[in-house]
Structures are given as C-alpha cells and as structure tokens.
Amino acid sequence: MRAMKRLPGPFKNLLIRMNRRRLLLQNTLATVLAGWLRPARAKAPDRVIAVPLGRDQVRLEVRHYGKGGLRYLSLHENERTAVEAAEQILEKHGGTLIELRGQGRRQVVFHDGERALAFDPNRIFTDHGAEATLRRNDSLTDEGLQAVRALRAAVLALLDGRPDEPVVALHNNAGKGYTFDNYAPDAALAGDVEALSVQPQRPSDAFFLVTRRALFEALRDARFNVVLQSDRAEDDGSLSVHFQQQRRAYVNVEARFGALREQAEMLDAVASLRP
C-alpha cells in the first residue's frame, strides 16, 4: 500500500484497473466453477401421492423418464446412493422412479394420538410381515395395522400390471450385517436360496436377489453375485416375498452406501436385459 502511494498517478491508476480486472476474472471463474460443481437438481415429481398415517403422512413421489422402461422403487429413504445410481440409469434408459419420502430415515414413524408407532416399509407386503414389523417396534395396534395396509395398497397400486417385467428395488447396505454372505450354505438365509451365482471378484456387499430363473441366469452370465430366491423363502413381509408368492418378476439391487459407480453398473446391467 505504501509503495502504491509513491507511484506516479498514471501508473497508480493502471495498477488499480488491473487489480479490478483480476478480481472480476476471479469472481467470474468462481461463478462458472460453482455451476459446474453444484449437484444436479433432482427431477421434479410428475405425481405425488400423500398417504395418511395416523396424524402424520408420507409421500410416494413418481418421476417418469421418457415413455416406457422399468419401474424402480426406493422404500428406505436414507438409502440415497441407490437412488442417485438409478437416476443416472433412468436418464440413459428411461423408466419410472417411485420413492417413499417424508421422513428421511429407514423406518417410518407416525403418531396415533400421542403414541409413536414405527415399522420397516419393506416388511409390510404380507399380513404376517406387517404384524411382525409392528410387533418388533412395539407398535402392533389396530391403528398401526390400518396404516401399514394403507401404505402397502398405495405402493402396490403403482406396481400393478406387467407381471413379466421386473420391478427393480433399490437398496443400500453398510457392508456388514446384510450381505451376499448371508445366503451362503449354512448361513442365516441359506433356506431362502434356490440357486447362487458366486463371483469372487465382486464384493459381498454388491449382489442381486431375483425371483425369476431367467433373470438369475442373465445376471450370472454377466458375472455378478446373484441370489435366486426360493419359493420356500421365509415370509418376512418383504416385497421380494410378496412378488415370489404372486409369481412376478423382481430384482433387488444391493450395494454398499457410497458405492455409486458400482451400483450404477449393476442397474445398467438390469436395464440392458430388456429386449
């Protein structure tokens, strides 16, 4: 600053103009970079269905990407990696994304009067499973059963028709607890297995669970870990069990939280199976 004061007037004015131009250029570059780096906004819902639960509610948000295509379903709102991967594939292949929204967490919590009730939204698709998830959360009441049945009906209405076209369920795991290893012989879920495709080059937290042998064989040939669910799978109320009972095509796409590229690759494989 003192050096600038000693400069002759014309040089001082030139330096001031240069500094201003530099600041303008820096601000312009910052604005451009911010636009490039800002996450893309999610497509606005084409349809929103409000489902009342006691004195609360959740939403089913439906987004269409072009005409036709597979239907992709997200039931656990905290599993965002799966949704982000699906959005990439929907932009490429088209289809419909259905999301359960409203609370930002895995469990759905609602109030019957002052009492809080909770359930896992992927355990409500059979009566046995609905009662079990409510009981597990100390929420098995008439009001609780009424709420889960209302949500079940709303979800299944959006998945009605096209029984031979797979519904794609979007899920994430923590890399432990629930992985492909749970389906190994003598493991906890071995009784739910009709057939396994084991690919040692793939991580155990990345796998498919399907209800049709044709889907199993196609994904096996593409070198993925795949579980073909048995007709005798335990009734836990999950959508896979409901679709197995209804003889409908279903694919659960499981990958670890944060494994965006891997899950997008898996979803692309499913979308590419279509004729």
C-alpha atoms as a PDB file:
ATOM      1  CA  MET A   1       0.000   0.000   0.000  1.00  0.00           C
ATOM      2  CA  ARG A   2       2.821   2.444   0.884  1.00  0.00           C
ATOM      3  CA  ALA A   3       4.614   1.502  -2.375  1.00  0.00           C
ATOM      4  CA  MET A   4       1.445   2.294  -4.348  1.00  0.00           C
ATOM      5  CA  LYS A   5       1.243   5.729  -2.738  1.00  0.00           C
ATOM      6  CA  ARG A   6       4.736   6.547  -4.063  1.00  0.00           C
ATOM      7  CA  LEU A   7       3.792   5.599  -7.672  1.00  0.00           C
ATOM      8  CA  PRO A   8       3.120   8.375 -10.211  1.00  0.00           C
ATOM      9  CA  GLY A   9      -0.597   8.965 -10.878  1.00  0.00           C
ATOM     10  CA  PRO A  10      -0.857   7.175 -14.299  1.00  0.00           C
ATOM     11  CA  PHE A  11       0.903   4.055 -13.007  1.00  0.00           C
ATOM     12  CA  LYS A  12      -1.240   4.031  -9.877  1.00  0.00           C
ATOM     13  CA  ASN A  13      -4.452   4.197 -11.955  1.00  0.00           C
ATOM     14  CA  LEU A  14      -3.203   1.427 -14.261  1.00  0.00           C
ATOM     15  CA  LEU A  15      -2.461  -0.838 -11.283  1.00  0.00           C
ATOM     16  CA  ILE A  16      -5.884  -0.164  -9.777  1.00  0.00           C
ATOM     17  CA  ARG A  17      -7.593  -1.073 -13.101  1.00  0.00           C
ATOM     18  CA  MET A  18      -5.517  -4.265 -13.344  1.00  0.00           C
ATOM     19  CA  ASN A  19      -6.487  -5.282  -9.796  1.00  0.00           C
ATOM     20  CA  ARG A  20     -10.149  -4.677 -10.569  1.00  0.00           C
ATOM     21  CA  ARG A  21      -9.952  -6.797 -13.725  1.00  0.00           C
ATOM     22  CA  ARG A  22      -8.226  -9.579 -11.805  1.00  0.00           C
ATOM     23  CA  LEU A  23     -10.946  -9.567  -9.154  1.00  0.00           C
ATOM     24  CA  LEU A  24     -13.640  -9.575 -11.847  1.00  0.00           C
ATOM     25  CA  LEU A  25     -11.980 -12.535 -13.568  1.00  0.00           C
ATOM     26  CA  GLN A  26     -11.686 -14.419 -10.240  1.00  0.00           C
ATOM     27  CA  ASN A  27     -15.360 -13.827  -9.454  1.00  0.00           C
ATOM     28  CA  THR A  28     -16.398 -14.938 -12.953  1.00  0.00           C
ATOM     29  CA  LEU A  29     -14.339 -18.133 -12.696  1.00  0.00           C
ATOM     30  CA  ALA A  30     -15.746 -18.841  -9.235  1.00  0.00           C
ATOM     31  CA  THR A  31     -19.292 -18.470 -10.553  1.00  0.00           C
ATOM     32  CA  VAL A  32     -18.632 -20.800 -13.507  1.00  0.00           C
ATOM     33  CA  LEU A  33     -16.949 -23.419 -11.328  1.00  0.00           C
ATOM     34  CA  ALA A  34     -19.774 -23.266  -8.799  1.00  0.00           C
ATOM     35  CA  GLY A  35     -22.218 -24.028 -11.612  1.00  0.00           C
ATOM     36  CA  TRP A  36     -20.138 -26.986 -12.760  1.00  0.00           C
ATOM     37  CA  LEU A  37     -19.641 -28.402  -9.298  1.00  0.00           C
ATOM     38  CA  ARG A  38     -23.151 -27.860  -7.952  1.00  0.00           C
ATOM     39  CA  PRO A  39     -25.064 -31.171  -7.737  1.00  0.00           C
ATOM     40  CA  ALA A  40     -27.748 -31.502 -10.393  1.00  0.00           C
ATOM     41  CA  ARG A  41     -31.216 -30.859  -9.081  1.00  0.00           C
ATOM     42  CA  ALA A  42     -33.436 -33.909  -8.891  1.00  0.00           C
ATOM     43  CA  LYS A  43     -36.181 -34.081 -11.485  1.00  0.00           C
ATOM     44  CA  ALA A  44     -39.424 -32.669 -10.111  1.00  0.00           C
ATOM     45  CA  PRO A  45     -42.059 -35.331  -9.354  1.00  0.00           C
ATOM     46  CA  ASP A  46     -44.648 -35.918 -12.054  1.00  0.00           C
ATOM     47  CA  ARG A  47     -47.050 -37.213  -9.443  1.00  0.00           C
ATOM     48  CA  VAL A  48     -47.183 -37.105  -5.635  1.00  0.00           C
ATOM     49  CA  ILE A  49     -49.447 -39.405  -3.625  1.00  0.00           C
ATOM     50  CA  ALA A  50     -49.968 -38.486   0.029  1.00  0.00           C
ATOM     51  CA  VAL A  51     -50.573 -41.470   2.302  1.00  0.00           C
ATOM     52  CA  PRO A  52     -52.029 -40.517   5.730  1.00  0.00           C
ATOM     53  CA  LEU A  53     -50.604 -42.435   8.689  1.00  0.00           C
ATOM     54  CA  GLY A  54     -52.355 -41.549  11.922  1.00  0.00           C
ATOM     55  CA  ARG A  55     -51.875 -37.789  12.326  1.00  0.00           C
ATOM     56  CA  ASP A  56     -48.822 -37.858  10.031  1.00  0.00           C
ATOM     57  CA  GLN A  57     -48.266 -38.749   6.396  1.00  0.00           C
ATOM     58  CA  VAL A  58     -45.661 -39.939   3.912  1.00  0.00           C
ATOM     59  CA  ARG A  59     -45.458 -39.305   0.180  1.00  0.00           C
ATOM     60  CA  LEU A  60     -44.966 -41.540  -2.823  1.00  0.00           C
ATOM     61  CA  GLU A  61     -43.175 -39.415  -5.419  1.00  0.00           C
ATOM     62  CA  VAL A  62     -43.325 -40.659  -9.014  1.00  0.00           C
ATOM     63  CA  ARG A  63     -40.930 -39.444 -11.712  1.00  0.00           C
ATOM     64  CA  HIS A  64     -41.169 -40.522 -15.350  1.00  0.00           C
ATOM     65  CA  TYR A  65     -38.102 -40.510 -17.583  1.00  0.00           C
ATOM     66  CA  GLY A  66     -39.380 -40.792 -21.129  1.00  0.00           C
ATOM     67  CA  LYS A  67     -42.009 -43.353 -22.099  1.00  0.00           C
ATOM     68  CA  GLY A  68     -41.960 -46.993 -21.035  1.00  0.00           C
ATOM     69  CA  GLY A  69     -38.987 -48.504 -19.244  1.00  0.00           C
ATOM     70  CA  LEU A  70     -38.678 -50.387 -15.982  1.00  0.00           C
ATOM     71  CA  ARG A  71     -40.101 -49.281 -12.658  1.00  0.00           C
ATOM     72  CA  TYR A  72     -37.576 -48.558  -9.893  1.00  0.00           C
ATOM     73  CA  LEU A  73     -38.701 -48.440  -6.261  1.00  0.00           C
ATOM     74  CA  SER A  74     -36.991 -46.891  -3.220  1.00  0.00           C
ATOM     75  CA  LEU A  75     -38.658 -47.732   0.098  1.00  0.00           C
ATOM     76  CA  HIS A  76     -35.884 -46.786   2.557  1.00  0.00           C
ATOM     77  CA  GLU A  77     -35.469 -43.036   2.324  1.00  0.00           C
ATOM     78  CA  ASN A  78     -31.971 -42.957   3.835  1.00  0.00           C
ATOM     79  CA  GLU A  79     -30.550 -45.215   1.090  1.00  0.00           C
ATOM     80  CA  ARG A  80     -29.664 -42.349  -1.254  1.00  0.00           C
ATOM     81  CA  THR A  81     -26.768 -43.953  -3.142  1.00  0.00           C
ATOM     82  CA  ALA A  82     -29.200 -46.375  -4.760  1.00  0.00           C
ATOM     83  CA  VAL A  83     -31.493 -43.543  -5.842  1.00  0.00           C
ATOM     84  CA  GLU A  84     -28.630 -41.486  -7.280  1.00  0.00           C
ATOM     85  CA  ALA A  85     -27.438 -44.507  -9.262  1.00  0.00           C
ATOM     86  CA  ALA A  86     -30.967 -45.150 -10.518  1.00  0.00           C
ATOM     87  CA  GLU A  87     -31.318 -41.542 -11.670  1.00  0.00           C
ATOM     88  CA  GLN A  88     -28.218 -41.973 -13.841  1.00  0.00           C
ATOM     89  CA  ILE A  89     -29.614 -45.132 -15.429  1.00  0.00           C
ATOM     90  CA  LEU A  90     -33.076 -43.648 -15.900  1.00  0.00           C
ATOM     91  CA  GLU A  91     -31.568 -40.737 -17.818  1.00  0.00           C
ATOM     92  CA  LYS A  92     -29.919 -43.299 -20.104  1.00  0.00           C
ATOM     93  CA  HIS A  93     -32.592 -45.989 -20.477  1.00  0.00           C
ATOM     94  CA  GLY A  94     -35.832 -44.316 -19.396  1.00  0.00           C
ATOM     95  CA  GLY A  95     -38.339 -45.702 -16.911  1.00  0.00           C
ATOM     96  CA  THR A  96     -40.135 -44.656 -13.744  1.00  0.00           C
ATOM     97  CA  LEU A  97     -38.733 -43.886 -10.298  1.00  0.00           C
ATOM     98  CA  ILE A  98     -41.009 -44.297  -7.275  1.00  0.00           C
ATOM     99  CA  GLU A  99     -39.714 -43.011  -3.934  1.00  0.00           C
ATOM    100  CA  LEU A 100     -41.160 -43.172  -0.440  1.00  0.00           C
ATOM    101  CA  ARG A 101     -40.429 -39.729   1.022  1.00  0.00           C
ATOM    102  CA  GLY A 102     -41.273 -37.583   4.001  1.00  0.00           C
ATOM    103  CA  GLN A 103     -39.066 -38.523   6.953  1.00  0.00           C
ATOM    104  CA  GLY A 104     -35.525 -39.065   5.690  1.00  0.00           C
ATOM    105  CA  ARG A 105     -34.894 -42.346   7.509  1.00  0.00           C
ATOM    106  CA  ARG A 106     -35.164 -46.092   7.084  1.00  0.00           C
ATOM    107  CA  GLN A 107     -38.097 -46.695   9.432  1.00  0.00           C
ATOM    108  CA  VAL A 108     -41.450 -44.965   9.057  1.00  0.00           C
ATOM    109  CA  VAL A 109     -42.631 -43.344  12.288  1.00  0.00           C
ATOM    110  CA  PHE A 110     -46.119 -41.944  12.792  1.00  0.00           C
ATOM    111  CA  HIS A 111     -48.373 -40.967  15.694  1.00  0.00           C
ATOM    112  CA  ASP A 112     -51.610 -42.475  16.917  1.00  0.00           C
ATOM    113  CA  GLY A 113     -52.636 -39.699  19.263  1.00  0.00           C
ATOM    114  CA  GLU A 114     -49.560 -39.120  21.407  1.00  0.00           C
ATOM    115  CA  ARG A 115     -48.127 -42.589  20.891  1.00  0.00           C
ATOM    116  CA  ALA A 116     -45.342 -43.002  18.326  1.00  0.00           C
ATOM    117  CA  LEU A 117     -45.580 -46.130  16.150  1.00  0.00           C
ATOM    118  CA  ALA A 118     -42.906 -47.413  13.749  1.00  0.00           C
ATOM    119  CA  PHE A 119     -42.379 -50.034  11.057  1.00  0.00           C
ATOM    120  CA  ASP A 120     -39.998 -51.050   8.285  1.00  0.00           C
ATOM    121  CA  PRO A 121     -41.692 -50.151   4.964  1.00  0.00           C
ATOM    122  CA  ASN A 122     -40.135 -53.194   3.269  1.00  0.00           C
ATOM    123  CA  ARG A 123     -41.765 -55.584   5.724  1.00  0.00           C
ATOM    124  CA  ILE A 124     -45.419 -54.731   5.109  1.00  0.00           C
ATOM    125  CA  PHE A 125     -46.258 -56.641   1.913  1.00  0.00           C
ATOM    126  CA  THR A 126     -47.761 -59.679   3.618  1.00  0.00           C
ATOM    127  CA  ASP A 127     -50.042 -59.712   6.661  1.00  0.00           C
ATOM    128  CA  HIS A 128     -47.555 -61.872   8.558  1.00  0.00           C
ATOM    129  CA  GLY A 129     -44.701 -59.478   7.845  1.00  0.00           C
ATOM    130  CA  ALA A 130     -46.747 -56.372   8.648  1.00  0.00           C
ATOM    131  CA  GLU A 131     -47.680 -57.709  12.072  1.00  0.00           C
ATOM    132  CA  ALA A 132     -44.091 -58.803  12.715  1.00  0.00           C
ATOM    133  CA  THR A 133     -42.511 -55.427  11.931  1.00  0.00           C
ATOM    134  CA  LEU A 134     -45.074 -53.601  14.069  1.00  0.00           C
ATOM    135  CA  ARG A 135     -44.573 -56.051  16.921  1.00  0.00           C
ATOM    136  CA  ARG A 136     -40.787 -55.681  16.654  1.00  0.00           C
ATOM    137  CA  ASN A 137     -41.228 -51.923  17.118  1.00  0.00           C
ATOM    138  CA  ASP A 138     -43.767 -52.262  19.958  1.00  0.00           C
ATOM    139  CA  SER A 139     -46.370 -50.795  17.606  1.00  0.00           C
ATOM    140  CA  LEU A 140     -48.814 -53.636  16.953  1.00  0.00           C
ATOM    141  CA  THR A 141     -52.171 -51.890  17.297  1.00  0.00           C
ATOM    142  CA  ASP A 142     -55.284 -51.712  15.146  1.00  0.00           C
ATOM    143  CA  GLU A 143     -54.216 -48.222  14.075  1.00  0.00           C
ATOM    144  CA  GLY A 144     -50.746 -49.490  13.205  1.00  0.00           C
ATOM    145  CA  LEU A 145     -52.136 -52.290  11.029  1.00  0.00           C
ATOM    146  CA  GLN A 146     -54.502 -49.873   9.322  1.00  0.00           C
ATOM    147  CA  ALA A 147     -51.595 -47.553   8.491  1.00  0.00           C
ATOM    148  CA  VAL A 148     -49.297 -50.218   7.032  1.00  0.00           C
ATOM    149  CA  ARG A 149     -52.118 -51.686   4.955  1.00  0.00           C
ATOM    150  CA  ALA A 150     -52.881 -48.242   3.527  1.00  0.00           C
ATOM    151  CA  LEU A 151     -49.243 -47.729   2.541  1.00  0.00           C
ATOM    152  CA  ARG A 152     -48.999 -51.264   1.132  1.00  0.00           C
ATOM    153  CA  ALA A 153     -52.064 -50.691  -1.062  1.00  0.00           C
ATOM    154  CA  ALA A 154     -50.709 -47.382  -2.355  1.00  0.00           C
ATOM    155  CA  VAL A 155     -47.311 -48.871  -3.281  1.00  0.00           C
ATOM    156  CA  LEU A 156     -48.742 -51.976  -4.948  1.00  0.00           C
ATOM    157  CA  ALA A 157     -51.193 -49.872  -6.973  1.00  0.00           C
ATOM    158  CA  LEU A 158     -48.187 -48.136  -8.580  1.00  0.00           C
ATOM    159  CA  LEU A 159     -46.592 -51.513  -9.361  1.00  0.00           C
ATOM    160  CA  ASP A 160     -49.697 -53.160 -10.803  1.00  0.00           C
ATOM    161  CA  GLY A 161     -49.590 -54.810 -14.219  1.00  0.00           C
ATOM    162  CA  ARG A 162     -46.728 -56.015 -16.430  1.00  0.00           C
ATOM    163  CA  PRO A 163     -46.031 -59.114 -14.266  1.00  0.00           C
ATOM    164  CA  ASP A 164     -43.241 -60.403 -16.500  1.00  0.00           C
ATOM    165  CA  GLU A 165     -41.334 -57.107 -16.463  1.00  0.00           C
ATOM    166  CA  PRO A 166     -39.159 -56.892 -13.350  1.00  0.00           C
ATOM    167  CA  VAL A 167     -39.754 -54.265 -10.713  1.00  0.00           C
ATOM    168  CA  VAL A 168     -36.327 -53.049  -9.585  1.00  0.00           C
ATOM    169  CA  ALA A 169     -35.934 -52.457  -5.829  1.00  0.00           C
ATOM    170  CA  LEU A 170     -33.204 -50.011  -4.802  1.00  0.00           C
ATOM    171  CA  HIS A 171     -31.296 -50.790  -1.602  1.00  0.00           C
ATOM    172  CA  ASN A 172     -28.047 -49.981   0.175  1.00  0.00           C
ATOM    173  CA  ASN A 173     -26.235 -51.803   2.958  1.00  0.00           C
ATOM    174  CA  ALA A 174     -23.431 -50.947   5.357  1.00  0.00           C
ATOM    175  CA  GLY A 175     -21.108 -53.687   4.101  1.00  0.00           C
ATOM    176  CA  LYS A 176     -21.891 -55.837   7.133  1.00  0.00           C
ATOM    177  CA  GLY A 177     -24.970 -57.290   8.752  1.00  0.00           C
ATOM    178  CA  TYR A 178     -26.801 -57.957   5.499  1.00  0.00           C
ATOM    179  CA  THR A 179     -24.591 -59.041   2.587  1.00  0.00           C
ATOM    180  CA  PHE A 180     -24.347 -61.790  -0.027  1.00  0.00           C
ATOM    181  CA  ASP A 181     -22.570 -63.917   2.600  1.00  0.00           C
ATOM    182  CA  ASN A 182     -25.873 -64.314   4.466  1.00  0.00           C
ATOM    183  CA  TYR A 183     -27.052 -66.598   1.654  1.00  0.00           C
ATOM    184  CA  ALA A 184     -24.067 -68.956   1.668  1.00  0.00           C
ATOM    185  CA  PRO A 185     -24.669 -72.623   2.578  1.00  0.00           C
ATOM    186  CA  ASP A 186     -25.189 -72.954   6.343  1.00  0.00           C
ATOM    187  CA  ALA A 187     -25.562 -69.141   6.696  1.00  0.00           C
ATOM    188  CA  ALA A 188     -28.616 -67.459   8.216  1.00  0.00           C
ATOM    189  CA  LEU A 189     -30.590 -67.080   4.969  1.00  0.00           C
ATOM    190  CA  ALA A 190     -29.480 -70.281   3.216  1.00  0.00           C
ATOM    191  CA  GLY A 191     -33.046 -71.605   3.396  1.00  0.00           C
ATOM    192  CA  ASP A 192     -34.244 -68.728   1.174  1.00  0.00           C
ATOM    193  CA  VAL A 193     -31.969 -69.779  -1.702  1.00  0.00           C
ATOM    194  CA  GLU A 194     -32.903 -71.710  -4.825  1.00  0.00           C
ATOM    195  CA  ALA A 195     -29.561 -71.036  -6.562  1.00  0.00           C
ATOM    196  CA  LEU A 196     -26.467 -68.870  -6.143  1.00  0.00           C
ATOM    197  CA  SER A 197     -24.071 -67.201  -8.545  1.00  0.00           C
ATOM    198  CA  VAL A 198     -20.840 -66.571  -6.611  1.00  0.00           C
ATOM    199  CA  GLN A 199     -18.335 -64.214  -8.224  1.00  0.00           C
ATOM    200  CA  PRO A 200     -15.190 -63.912  -6.052  1.00  0.00           C
ATOM    201  CA  GLN A 201     -14.056 -60.798  -7.932  1.00  0.00           C
ATOM    202  CA  ARG A 202     -17.174 -58.964  -6.709  1.00  0.00           C
ATOM    203  CA  PRO A 203     -17.527 -57.612  -3.148  1.00  0.00           C
ATOM    204  CA  SER A 204     -20.011 -59.421  -0.921  1.00  0.00           C
ATOM    205  CA  ASP A 205     -21.960 -56.207  -0.300  1.00  0.00           C
ATOM    206  CA  ALA A 206     -22.871 -55.954  -4.012  1.00  0.00           C
ATOM    207  CA  PHE A 207     -25.421 -58.501  -5.219  1.00  0.00           C
ATOM    208  CA  PHE A 208     -28.805 -59.113  -6.803  1.00  0.00           C
ATOM    209  CA  LEU A 209     -31.769 -61.026  -5.417  1.00  0.00           C
ATOM    210  CA  VAL A 210     -34.245 -62.140  -8.092  1.00  0.00           C
ATOM    211  CA  THR A 211     -37.458 -64.150  -8.356  1.00  0.00           C
ATOM    212  CA  ARG A 212     -37.104 -65.499 -11.912  1.00  0.00           C
ATOM    213  CA  ARG A 213     -34.560 -68.026 -13.161  1.00  0.00           C
ATOM    214  CA  ALA A 214     -34.172 -66.210 -16.482  1.00  0.00           C
ATOM    215  CA  LEU A 215     -33.079 -63.079 -14.589  1.00  0.00           C
ATOM    216  CA  PHE A 216     -30.731 -65.156 -12.448  1.00  0.00           C
ATOM    217  CA  GLU A 217     -29.069 -66.750 -15.458  1.00  0.00           C
ATOM    218  CA  ALA A 218     -28.664 -63.472 -17.341  1.00  0.00           C
ATOM    219  CA  LEU A 219     -27.053 -61.695 -14.374  1.00  0.00           C
ATOM    220  CA  ARG A 220     -24.950 -64.762 -13.563  1.00  0.00           C
ATOM    221  CA  ASP A 221     -23.637 -64.771 -17.140  1.00  0.00           C
ATOM    222  CA  ALA A 222     -22.793 -61.069 -16.693  1.00  0.00           C
ATOM    223  CA  ARG A 223     -20.533 -62.119 -13.771  1.00  0.00           C
ATOM    224  CA  PHE A 224     -22.488 -60.695 -10.825  1.00  0.00           C
ATOM    225  CA  ASN A 225     -23.273 -62.142  -7.399  1.00  0.00           C
ATOM    226  CA  VAL A 226     -26.898 -63.274  -7.638  1.00  0.00           C
ATOM    227  CA  VAL A 227     -29.409 -64.979  -5.353  1.00  0.00           C
ATOM    228  CA  LEU A 228     -32.358 -66.772  -6.927  1.00  0.00           C
ATOM    229  CA  GLN A 229     -34.956 -66.674  -4.170  1.00  0.00           C
ATOM    230  CA  SER A 230     -36.674 -69.932  -3.302  1.00  0.00           C
ATOM    231  CA  ASP A 231     -40.438 -70.439  -3.350  1.00  0.00           C
ATOM    232  CA  ARG A 232     -39.950 -71.552   0.262  1.00  0.00           C
ATOM    233  CA  ALA A 233     -38.299 -68.313   1.412  1.00  0.00           C
ATOM    234  CA  GLU A 234     -39.296 -67.205   4.891  1.00  0.00           C
ATOM    235  CA  ASP A 235     -42.241 -64.817   4.929  1.00  0.00           C
ATOM    236  CA  ASP A 236     -40.654 -61.636   6.301  1.00  0.00           C
ATOM    237  CA  GLY A 237     -43.162 -59.326   4.592  1.00  0.00           C
ATOM    238  CA  SER A 238     -40.640 -58.026   2.062  1.00  0.00           C
ATOM    239  CA  LEU A 239     -41.617 -57.080  -1.470  1.00  0.00           C
ATOM    240  CA  SER A 240     -39.485 -59.931  -2.795  1.00  0.00           C
ATOM    241  CA  VAL A 241     -41.561 -62.468  -0.853  1.00  0.00           C
ATOM    242  CA  HIS A 242     -44.838 -60.877  -1.997  1.00  0.00           C
ATOM    243  CA  PHE A 243     -43.727 -60.951  -5.630  1.00  0.00           C
ATOM    244  CA  GLN A 244     -42.498 -64.539  -5.255  1.00  0.00           C
ATOM    245  CA  GLN A 245     -45.950 -65.507  -3.979  1.00  0.00           C
ATOM    246  CA  GLN A 246     -47.558 -63.669  -6.908  1.00  0.00           C
ATOM    247  CA  ARG A 247     -45.147 -65.271  -9.437  1.00  0.00           C
ATOM    248  CA  ARG A 248     -43.969 -61.824 -10.506  1.00  0.00           C
ATOM    249  CA  ALA A 249     -40.563 -60.720 -11.779  1.00  0.00           C
ATOM    250  CA  TYR A 250     -38.490 -58.780  -9.248  1.00  0.00           C
ATOM    251  CA  VAL A 251     -34.876 -57.656  -8.870  1.00  0.00           C
ATOM    252  CA  ASN A 252     -33.365 -56.298  -5.657  1.00  0.00           C
ATOM    253  CA  VAL A 253     -30.150 -54.365  -6.379  1.00  0.00           C
ATOM    254  CA  GLU A 254     -27.985 -54.231  -3.236  1.00  0.00           C
ATOM    255  CA  ALA A 255     -24.775 -52.242  -2.894  1.00  0.00           C
ATOM    256  CA  ARG A 256     -22.861 -50.550  -0.106  1.00  0.00           C
ATOM    257  CA  PHE A 257     -23.614 -46.964   0.890  1.00  0.00           C
ATOM    258  CA  GLY A 258     -21.412 -44.709  -1.234  1.00  0.00           C
ATOM    259  CA  ALA A 259     -20.656 -47.321  -3.930  1.00  0.00           C
ATOM    260  CA  LEU A 260     -22.302 -45.168  -6.604  1.00  0.00           C
ATOM    261  CA  ARG A 261     -20.320 -46.339  -9.622  1.00  0.00           C
ATOM    262  CA  GLU A 262     -20.737 -49.999  -8.722  1.00  0.00           C
ATOM    263  CA  GLN A 263     -24.475 -49.715  -8.171  1.00  0.00           C
ATOM    264  CA  ALA A 264     -24.919 -47.776 -11.409  1.00  0.00           C
ATOM    265  CA  GLU A 265     -23.086 -50.583 -13.232  1.00  0.00           C
ATOM    266  CA  MET A 266     -25.441 -53.127 -11.676  1.00  0.00           C
ATOM    267  CA  LEU A 267     -28.551 -51.135 -12.567  1.00  0.00           C
ATOM    268  CA  ASP A 268     -27.288 -50.636 -16.104  1.00  0.00           C
ATOM    269  CA  ALA A 269     -26.960 -54.416 -16.426  1.00  0.00           C
ATOM    270  CA  VAL A 270     -30.578 -54.870 -15.373  1.00  0.00           C
ATOM    271  CA  ALA A 271     -31.886 -52.172 -17.705  1.00  0.00           C
ATOM    272  CA  SER A 272     -29.881 -53.661 -20.583  1.00  0.00           C
ATOM    273  CA  LEU A 273     -31.575 -57.048 -20.174  1.00  0.00           C
ATOM    274  CA  ARG A 274     -34.769 -55.669 -21.631  1.00  0.00           C
ATOM    275  CA  PRO A 275     -35.474 -56.571 -25.293  1.00  0.00           C
END
